[in-house]
Amino acid sequence: MSNNAIQSSESNAAVDDDEPDDWDKRIFSTGCSVENSKMTDCYYDTKDWRACKKEMEAFRECWKRQGNEQRTDSKDA
């Protein structure tokens, strides 16, 4: 493979990474993507959910404020 072909495939991969995947779309649809990012970043940095209580509470409050509880309630079959 030539250097040009390698560079071209690397730049295409970078472009594809910018597109939101299904997971990102679901998170964005909750209205709490910023809070979710802060919560997961905290866990990534600390590797301890107990150290991320403030971020978890902010996400929980956003989740309720956006009305996501009704949308994710379990339904009896």
PDB file of N, CA and C in Angstrom:
ATOM      1  N   MET A   1       0.855  -1.171   0.000  1.00  0.00           N
ATOM      2  CA  MET A   1       0.000   0.000   0.000  1.00  0.00           C
ATOM      3  C   MET A   1       0.900   1.232   0.000  1.00  0.00           C
ATOM      4  N   SER A   2       0.577   2.185  -0.833  1.00  0.00           N
ATOM      5  CA  SER A   2       1.389   3.393  -0.920  1.00  0.00           C
ATOM      6  C   SER A   2       1.093   4.323   0.246  1.00  0.00           C
ATOM      7  N   ASN A   3       1.994   5.270   0.451  1.00  0.00           N
ATOM      8  CA  ASN A   3       1.795   6.255   1.518  1.00  0.00           C
ATOM      9  C   ASN A   3       0.517   7.052   1.299  1.00  0.00           C
ATOM     10  N   ASN A   4       0.207   7.385   0.040  1.00  0.00           N
ATOM     11  CA  ASN A   4      -1.017   8.131  -0.249  1.00  0.00           C
ATOM     12  C   ASN A   4      -2.254   7.332   0.119  1.00  0.00           C
ATOM     13  N   ALA A   5      -2.236   6.029  -0.166  1.00  0.00           N
ATOM     14  CA  ALA A   5      -3.380   5.178   0.161  1.00  0.00           C
ATOM     15  C   ALA A   5      -3.551   5.055   1.668  1.00  0.00           C
ATOM     16  N   ILE A   6      -2.442   4.964   2.392  1.00  0.00           N
ATOM     17  CA  ILE A   6      -2.499   4.878   3.854  1.00  0.00           C
ATOM     18  C   ILE A   6      -3.055   6.173   4.425  1.00  0.00           C
ATOM     19  N   GLN A   7      -2.549   7.301   3.965  1.00  0.00           N
ATOM     20  CA  GLN A   7      -3.034   8.593   4.444  1.00  0.00           C
ATOM     21  C   GLN A   7      -4.510   8.779   4.125  1.00  0.00           C
ATOM     22  N   SER A   8      -4.919   8.335   2.945  1.00  0.00           N
ATOM     23  CA  SER A   8      -6.322   8.471   2.549  1.00  0.00           C
ATOM     24  C   SER A   8      -7.223   7.638   3.446  1.00  0.00           C
ATOM     25  N   SER A   9      -6.820   6.393   3.739  1.00  0.00           N
ATOM     26  CA  SER A   9      -7.652   5.546   4.594  1.00  0.00           C
ATOM     27  C   SER A   9      -7.681   6.070   6.024  1.00  0.00           C
ATOM     28  N   GLU A  10      -6.563   6.658   6.505  1.00  0.00           N
ATOM     29  CA  GLU A  10      -6.535   7.234   7.850  1.00  0.00           C
ATOM     30  C   GLU A  10      -7.440   8.458   7.932  1.00  0.00           C
ATOM     31  N   SER A  11      -7.438   9.291   6.899  1.00  0.00           N
ATOM     32  CA  SER A  11      -8.292  10.478   6.934  1.00  0.00           C
ATOM     33  C   SER A  11      -9.759  10.085   6.828  1.00  0.00           C
ATOM     34  N   ASN A  12     -10.085   9.045   6.085  1.00  0.00           N
ATOM     35  CA  ASN A  12     -11.469   8.568   6.023  1.00  0.00           C
ATOM     36  C   ASN A  12     -11.930   8.043   7.365  1.00  0.00           C
ATOM     37  N   ALA A  13     -11.051   7.364   8.083  1.00  0.00           N
ATOM     38  CA  ALA A  13     -11.404   6.846   9.403  1.00  0.00           C
ATOM     39  C   ALA A  13     -11.689   7.997  10.359  1.00  0.00           C
ATOM     40  N   ALA A  14     -10.918   9.062  10.265  1.00  0.00           N
ATOM     41  CA  ALA A  14     -11.134  10.216  11.134  1.00  0.00           C
ATOM     42  C   ALA A  14     -12.472  10.873  10.830  1.00  0.00           C
ATOM     43  N   VAL A  15     -12.851  10.937   9.571  1.00  0.00           N
ATOM     44  CA  VAL A  15     -14.137  11.518   9.194  1.00  0.00           C
ATOM     45  C   VAL A  15     -15.266  10.653   9.721  1.00  0.00           C
ATOM     46  N   ASP A  16     -15.153   9.350   9.590  1.00  0.00           N
ATOM     47  CA  ASP A  16     -16.193   8.438  10.064  1.00  0.00           C
ATOM     48  C   ASP A  16     -16.374   8.543  11.577  1.00  0.00           C
ATOM     49  N   ASP A  17     -15.290   8.799  12.331  1.00  0.00           N
ATOM     50  CA  ASP A  17     -15.374   8.905  13.779  1.00  0.00           C
ATOM     51  C   ASP A  17     -16.167  10.137  14.215  1.00  0.00           C
ATOM     52  N   ASP A  18     -16.253  11.130  13.353  1.00  0.00           N
ATOM     53  CA  ASP A  18     -16.994  12.340  13.697  1.00  0.00           C
ATOM     54  C   ASP A  18     -18.505  12.150  13.603  1.00  0.00           C
ATOM     55  N   GLU A  19     -18.942  11.133  12.896  1.00  0.00           N
ATOM     56  CA  GLU A  19     -20.369  10.882  12.751  1.00  0.00           C
ATOM     57  C   GLU A  19     -20.912  10.215  14.006  1.00  0.00           C
ATOM     58  N   PRO A  20     -22.039  10.696  14.533  1.00  0.00           N
ATOM     59  CA  PRO A  20     -22.617  10.052  15.720  1.00  0.00           C
ATOM     60  C   PRO A  20     -23.127   8.656  15.381  1.00  0.00           C
ATOM     61  N   ASP A  21     -22.806   7.702  16.234  1.00  0.00           N
ATOM     62  CA  ASP A  21     -23.314   6.354  16.042  1.00  0.00           C
ATOM     63  C   ASP A  21     -24.654   6.216  16.760  1.00  0.00           C
ATOM     64  N   ASP A  22     -25.232   5.022  16.736  1.00  0.00           N
ATOM     65  CA  ASP A  22     -26.550   4.810  17.351  1.00  0.00           C
ATOM     66  C   ASP A  22     -26.531   5.132  18.843  1.00  0.00           C
ATOM     67  N   TRP A  23     -25.449   4.784  19.524  1.00  0.00           N
ATOM     68  CA  TRP A  23     -25.343   5.053  20.961  1.00  0.00           C
ATOM     69  C   TRP A  23     -25.373   6.566  21.211  1.00  0.00           C
ATOM     70  N   ASP A  24     -24.570   7.302  20.442  1.00  0.00           N
ATOM     71  CA  ASP A  24     -24.543   8.760  20.591  1.00  0.00           C
ATOM     72  C   ASP A  24     -25.916   9.363  20.321  1.00  0.00           C
ATOM     73  N   LYS A  25     -26.590   8.898  19.294  1.00  0.00           N
ATOM     74  CA  LYS A  25     -27.917   9.418  18.971  1.00  0.00           C
ATOM     75  C   LYS A  25     -28.893   9.191  20.119  1.00  0.00           C
ATOM     76  N   ARG A  26     -28.820   8.017  20.752  1.00  0.00           N
ATOM     77  CA  ARG A  26     -29.713   7.742  21.883  1.00  0.00           C
ATOM     78  C   ARG A  26     -29.390   8.659  23.059  1.00  0.00           C
ATOM     79  N   ILE A  27     -28.120   8.873  23.338  1.00  0.00           N
ATOM     80  CA  ILE A  27     -27.737   9.756  24.438  1.00  0.00           C
ATOM     81  C   ILE A  27     -28.169  11.189  24.148  1.00  0.00           C
ATOM     82  N   PHE A  28     -27.942  11.666  22.925  1.00  0.00           N
ATOM     83  CA  PHE A  28     -28.346  13.029  22.571  1.00  0.00           C
ATOM     84  C   PHE A  28     -29.860  13.199  22.691  1.00  0.00           C
ATOM     85  N   SER A  29     -30.627  12.153  22.373  1.00  0.00           N
ATOM     86  CA  SER A  29     -32.084  12.260  22.413  1.00  0.00           C
ATOM     87  C   SER A  29     -32.622  12.389  23.839  1.00  0.00           C
ATOM     88  N   THR A  30     -31.819  12.056  24.839  1.00  0.00           N
ATOM     89  CA  THR A  30     -32.274  12.182  26.225  1.00  0.00           C
ATOM     90  C   THR A  30     -32.239  13.614  26.709  1.00  0.00           C
ATOM     91  N   GLY A  31     -31.471  14.473  26.034  1.00  0.00           N
ATOM     92  CA  GLY A  31     -31.303  15.845  26.482  1.00  0.00           C
ATOM     93  C   GLY A  31     -30.273  15.980  27.591  1.00  0.00           C
ATOM     94  N   CYS A  32     -29.585  14.903  27.907  1.00  0.00           N
ATOM     95  CA  CYS A  32     -28.624  14.902  29.016  1.00  0.00           C
ATOM     96  C   CYS A  32     -27.238  14.442  28.570  1.00  0.00           C
ATOM     97  N   SER A  33     -26.883  14.716  27.336  1.00  0.00           N
ATOM     98  CA  SER A  33     -25.600  14.225  26.834  1.00  0.00           C
ATOM     99  C   SER A  33     -24.418  14.881  27.540  1.00  0.00           C
ATOM    100  N   VAL A  34     -24.541  16.152  27.897  1.00  0.00           N
ATOM    101  CA  VAL A  34     -23.445  16.843  28.595  1.00  0.00           C
ATOM    102  C   VAL A  34     -23.229  16.210  29.966  1.00  0.00           C
ATOM    103  N   GLU A  35     -24.325  15.997  30.696  1.00  0.00           N
ATOM    104  CA  GLU A  35     -24.236  15.386  32.026  1.00  0.00           C
ATOM    105  C   GLU A  35     -23.702  13.959  31.926  1.00  0.00           C
ATOM    106  N   ASN A  36     -24.118  13.234  30.890  1.00  0.00           N
ATOM    107  CA  ASN A  36     -23.627  11.875  30.693  1.00  0.00           C
ATOM    108  C   ASN A  36     -22.121  11.877  30.436  1.00  0.00           C
ATOM    109  N   SER A  37     -21.661  12.808  29.628  1.00  0.00           N
ATOM    110  CA  SER A  37     -20.221  12.894  29.338  1.00  0.00           C
ATOM    111  C   SER A  37     -19.423  13.200  30.596  1.00  0.00           C
ATOM    112  N   LYS A  38     -19.914  14.135  31.408  1.00  0.00           N
ATOM    113  CA  LYS A  38     -19.203  14.471  32.645  1.00  0.00           C
ATOM    114  C   LYS A  38     -19.150  13.269  33.580  1.00  0.00           C
ATOM    115  N   MET A  39     -20.247  12.521  33.646  1.00  0.00           N
ATOM    116  CA  MET A  39     -20.305  11.358  34.522  1.00  0.00           C
ATOM    117  C   MET A  39     -19.333  10.265  34.048  1.00  0.00           C
ATOM    118  N   THR A  40     -19.338   9.975  32.757  1.00  0.00           N
ATOM    119  CA  THR A  40     -18.444   8.930  32.262  1.00  0.00           C
ATOM    120  C   THR A  40     -16.985   9.374  32.297  1.00  0.00           C
ATOM    121  N   ASP A  41     -16.733  10.664  32.055  1.00  0.00           N
ATOM    122  CA  ASP A  41     -15.356  11.167  32.162  1.00  0.00           C
ATOM    123  C   ASP A  41     -14.844  11.045  33.592  1.00  0.00           C
ATOM    124  N   CYS A  42     -15.708  11.344  34.558  1.00  0.00           N
ATOM    125  CA  CYS A  42     -15.322  11.214  35.958  1.00  0.00           C
ATOM    126  C   CYS A  42     -14.939   9.771  36.264  1.00  0.00           C
ATOM    127  N   TYR A  43     -15.766   8.845  35.822  1.00  0.00           N
ATOM    128  CA  TYR A  43     -15.455   7.436  36.081  1.00  0.00           C
ATOM    129  C   TYR A  43     -14.160   7.032  35.389  1.00  0.00           C
ATOM    130  N   TYR A  44     -13.981   7.490  34.152  1.00  0.00           N
ATOM    131  CA  TYR A  44     -12.758   7.160  33.419  1.00  0.00           C
ATOM    132  C   TYR A  44     -11.524   7.665  34.171  1.00  0.00           C
ATOM    133  N   ASP A  45     -11.631   8.869  34.728  1.00  0.00           N
ATOM    134  CA  ASP A  45     -10.494   9.463  35.446  1.00  0.00           C
ATOM    135  C   ASP A  45     -10.237   8.784  36.794  1.00  0.00           C
ATOM    136  N   THR A  46     -11.308   8.430  37.512  1.00  0.00           N
ATOM    137  CA  THR A  46     -11.147   7.935  38.879  1.00  0.00           C
ATOM    138  C   THR A  46     -11.245   6.424  39.014  1.00  0.00           C
ATOM    139  N   LYS A  47     -11.918   5.782  38.065  1.00  0.00           N
ATOM    140  CA  LYS A  47     -12.198   4.327  38.118  1.00  0.00           C
ATOM    141  C   LYS A  47     -12.966   3.950  39.381  1.00  0.00           C
ATOM    142  N   ASP A  48     -13.765   4.905  39.885  1.00  0.00           N
ATOM    143  CA  ASP A  48     -14.526   4.677  41.114  1.00  0.00           C
ATOM    144  C   ASP A  48     -15.804   5.510  41.062  1.00  0.00           C
ATOM    145  N   TRP A  49     -16.942   4.831  40.903  1.00  0.00           N
ATOM    146  CA  TRP A  49     -18.216   5.544  40.826  1.00  0.00           C
ATOM    147  C   TRP A  49     -18.496   6.359  42.089  1.00  0.00           C
ATOM    148  N   ARG A  50     -17.980   5.892  43.225  1.00  0.00           N
ATOM    149  CA  ARG A  50     -18.219   6.621  44.478  1.00  0.00           C
ATOM    150  C   ARG A  50     -17.633   8.020  44.448  1.00  0.00           C
ATOM    151  N   ALA A  51     -16.598   8.217  43.662  1.00  0.00           N
ATOM    152  CA  ALA A  51     -15.970   9.532  43.543  1.00  0.00           C
ATOM    153  C   ALA A  51     -16.741  10.450  42.591  1.00  0.00           C
ATOM    154  N   CYS A  52     -17.785   9.920  41.962  1.00  0.00           N
ATOM    155  CA  CYS A  52     -18.521  10.667  40.938  1.00  0.00           C
ATOM    156  C   CYS A  52     -19.960  10.937  41.355  1.00  0.00           C
ATOM    157  N   LYS A  53     -20.208  11.001  42.657  1.00  0.00           N
ATOM    158  CA  LYS A  53     -21.581  11.194  43.138  1.00  0.00           C
ATOM    159  C   LYS A  53     -22.191  12.493  42.628  1.00  0.00           C
ATOM    160  N   LYS A  54     -21.424  13.565  42.591  1.00  0.00           N
ATOM    161  CA  LYS A  54     -21.928  14.857  42.134  1.00  0.00           C
ATOM    162  C   LYS A  54     -22.359  14.764  40.666  1.00  0.00           C
ATOM    163  N   GLU A  55     -21.545  14.140  39.836  1.00  0.00           N
ATOM    164  CA  GLU A  55     -21.860  13.985  38.415  1.00  0.00           C
ATOM    165  C   GLU A  55     -23.059  13.069  38.210  1.00  0.00           C
ATOM    166  N   MET A  56     -23.130  12.002  39.010  1.00  0.00           N
ATOM    167  CA  MET A  56     -24.258  11.078  38.899  1.00  0.00           C
ATOM    168  C   MET A  56     -25.559  11.770  39.288  1.00  0.00           C
ATOM    169  N   GLU A  57     -25.529  12.593  40.324  1.00  0.00           N
ATOM    170  CA  GLU A  57     -26.725  13.308  40.759  1.00  0.00           C
ATOM    171  C   GLU A  57     -27.154  14.329  39.706  1.00  0.00           C
ATOM    172  N   ALA A  58     -26.205  15.010  39.092  1.00  0.00           N
ATOM    173  CA  ALA A  58     -26.537  15.973  38.034  1.00  0.00           C
ATOM    174  C   ALA A  58     -27.187  15.259  36.859  1.00  0.00           C
ATOM    175  N   PHE A  59     -26.685  14.079  36.511  1.00  0.00           N
ATOM    176  CA  PHE A  59     -27.287  13.299  35.426  1.00  0.00           C
ATOM    177  C   PHE A  59     -28.690  12.847  35.812  1.00  0.00           C
ATOM    178  N   ARG A  60     -28.851  12.372  37.031  1.00  0.00           N
ATOM    179  CA  ARG A  60     -30.156  11.906  37.511  1.00  0.00           C
ATOM    180  C   ARG A  60     -31.185  13.041  37.480  1.00  0.00           C
ATOM    181  N   GLU A  61     -30.788  14.229  37.922  1.00  0.00           N
ATOM    182  CA  GLU A  61     -31.697  15.380  37.915  1.00  0.00           C
ATOM    183  C   GLU A  61     -32.065  15.775  36.486  1.00  0.00           C
ATOM    184  N   CYS A  62     -31.100  15.775  35.591  1.00  0.00           N
ATOM    185  CA  CYS A  62     -31.369  16.087  34.193  1.00  0.00           C
ATOM    186  C   CYS A  62     -32.332  15.053  33.609  1.00  0.00           C
ATOM    187  N   TRP A  63     -32.098  13.799  33.920  1.00  0.00           N
ATOM    188  CA  TRP A  63     -32.937  12.707  33.405  1.00  0.00           C
ATOM    189  C   TRP A  63     -34.401  12.938  33.794  1.00  0.00           C
ATOM    190  N   LYS A  64     -34.617  13.295  35.051  1.00  0.00           N
ATOM    191  CA  LYS A  64     -35.984  13.564  35.522  1.00  0.00           C
ATOM    192  C   LYS A  64     -36.548  14.818  34.872  1.00  0.00           C
ATOM    193  N   ARG A  65     -35.748  15.869  34.801  1.00  0.00           N
ATOM    194  CA  ARG A  65     -36.183  17.149  34.239  1.00  0.00           C
ATOM    195  C   ARG A  65     -36.595  17.003  32.777  1.00  0.00           C
ATOM    196  N   GLN A  66     -35.927  16.133  32.057  1.00  0.00           N
ATOM    197  CA  GLN A  66     -36.215  15.926  30.637  1.00  0.00           C
ATOM    198  C   GLN A  66     -37.379  14.960  30.399  1.00  0.00           C
ATOM    199  N   GLY A  67     -37.912  14.363  31.478  1.00  0.00           N
ATOM    200  CA  GLY A  67     -39.047  13.451  31.340  1.00  0.00           C
ATOM    201  C   GLY A  67     -38.667  12.072  30.831  1.00  0.00           C
ATOM    202  N   ASN A  68     -37.435  11.670  31.044  1.00  0.00           N
ATOM    203  CA  ASN A  68     -36.978  10.380  30.543  1.00  0.00           C
ATOM    204  C   ASN A  68     -37.471   9.212  31.383  1.00  0.00           C
ATOM    205  N   GLU A  69     -37.917   9.471  32.601  1.00  0.00           N
ATOM    206  CA  GLU A  69     -38.393   8.376  33.439  1.00  0.00           C
ATOM    207  C   GLU A  69     -39.612   7.697  32.830  1.00  0.00           C
ATOM    208  N   GLN A  70     -40.546   8.494  32.289  1.00  0.00           N
ATOM    209  CA  GLN A  70     -41.737   7.919  31.690  1.00  0.00           C
ATOM    210  C   GLN A  70     -41.366   7.121  30.437  1.00  0.00           C
ATOM    211  N   ARG A  71     -40.417   7.609  29.696  1.00  0.00           N
ATOM    212  CA  ARG A  71     -40.044   6.972  28.444  1.00  0.00           C
ATOM    213  C   ARG A  71     -39.323   5.639  28.665  1.00  0.00           C
ATOM    214  N   THR A  72     -38.688   5.477  29.810  1.00  0.00           N
ATOM    215  CA  THR A  72     -37.917   4.248  30.055  1.00  0.00           C
ATOM    216  C   THR A  72     -38.545   3.340  31.092  1.00  0.00           C
ATOM    217  N   ASP A  73     -39.757   3.691  31.579  1.00  0.00           N
ATOM    218  CA  ASP A  73     -40.439   2.817  32.533  1.00  0.00           C
ATOM    219  C   ASP A  73     -40.650   1.442  31.923  1.00  0.00           C
ATOM    220  N   SER A  74     -40.519   0.422  32.776  1.00  0.00           N
ATOM    221  CA  SER A  74     -40.792  -0.940  32.327  1.00  0.00           C
ATOM    222  C   SER A  74     -42.313  -1.114  32.236  1.00  0.00           C
ATOM    223  N   LYS A  75     -42.718  -1.893  31.277  1.00  0.00           N
ATOM    224  CA  LYS A  75     -44.139  -2.152  31.103  1.00  0.00           C
ATOM    225  C   LYS A  75     -44.420  -3.612  31.399  1.00  0.00           C
ATOM    226  N   ASP A  76     -45.530  -3.866  32.103  1.00  0.00           N
ATOM    227  CA  ASP A  76     -45.927  -5.243  32.376  1.00  0.00           C
ATOM    228  C   ASP A  76     -46.352  -5.898  31.069  1.00  0.00           C
ATOM    229  N   ALA A  77     -45.906  -7.123  30.890  1.00  0.00           N
ATOM    230  CA  ALA A  77     -46.249  -7.843  29.654  1.00  0.00           C
ATOM    231  C   ALA A  77     -47.597  -8.506  29.786  1.00  0.00           C
TER     232      ALA A  77
END
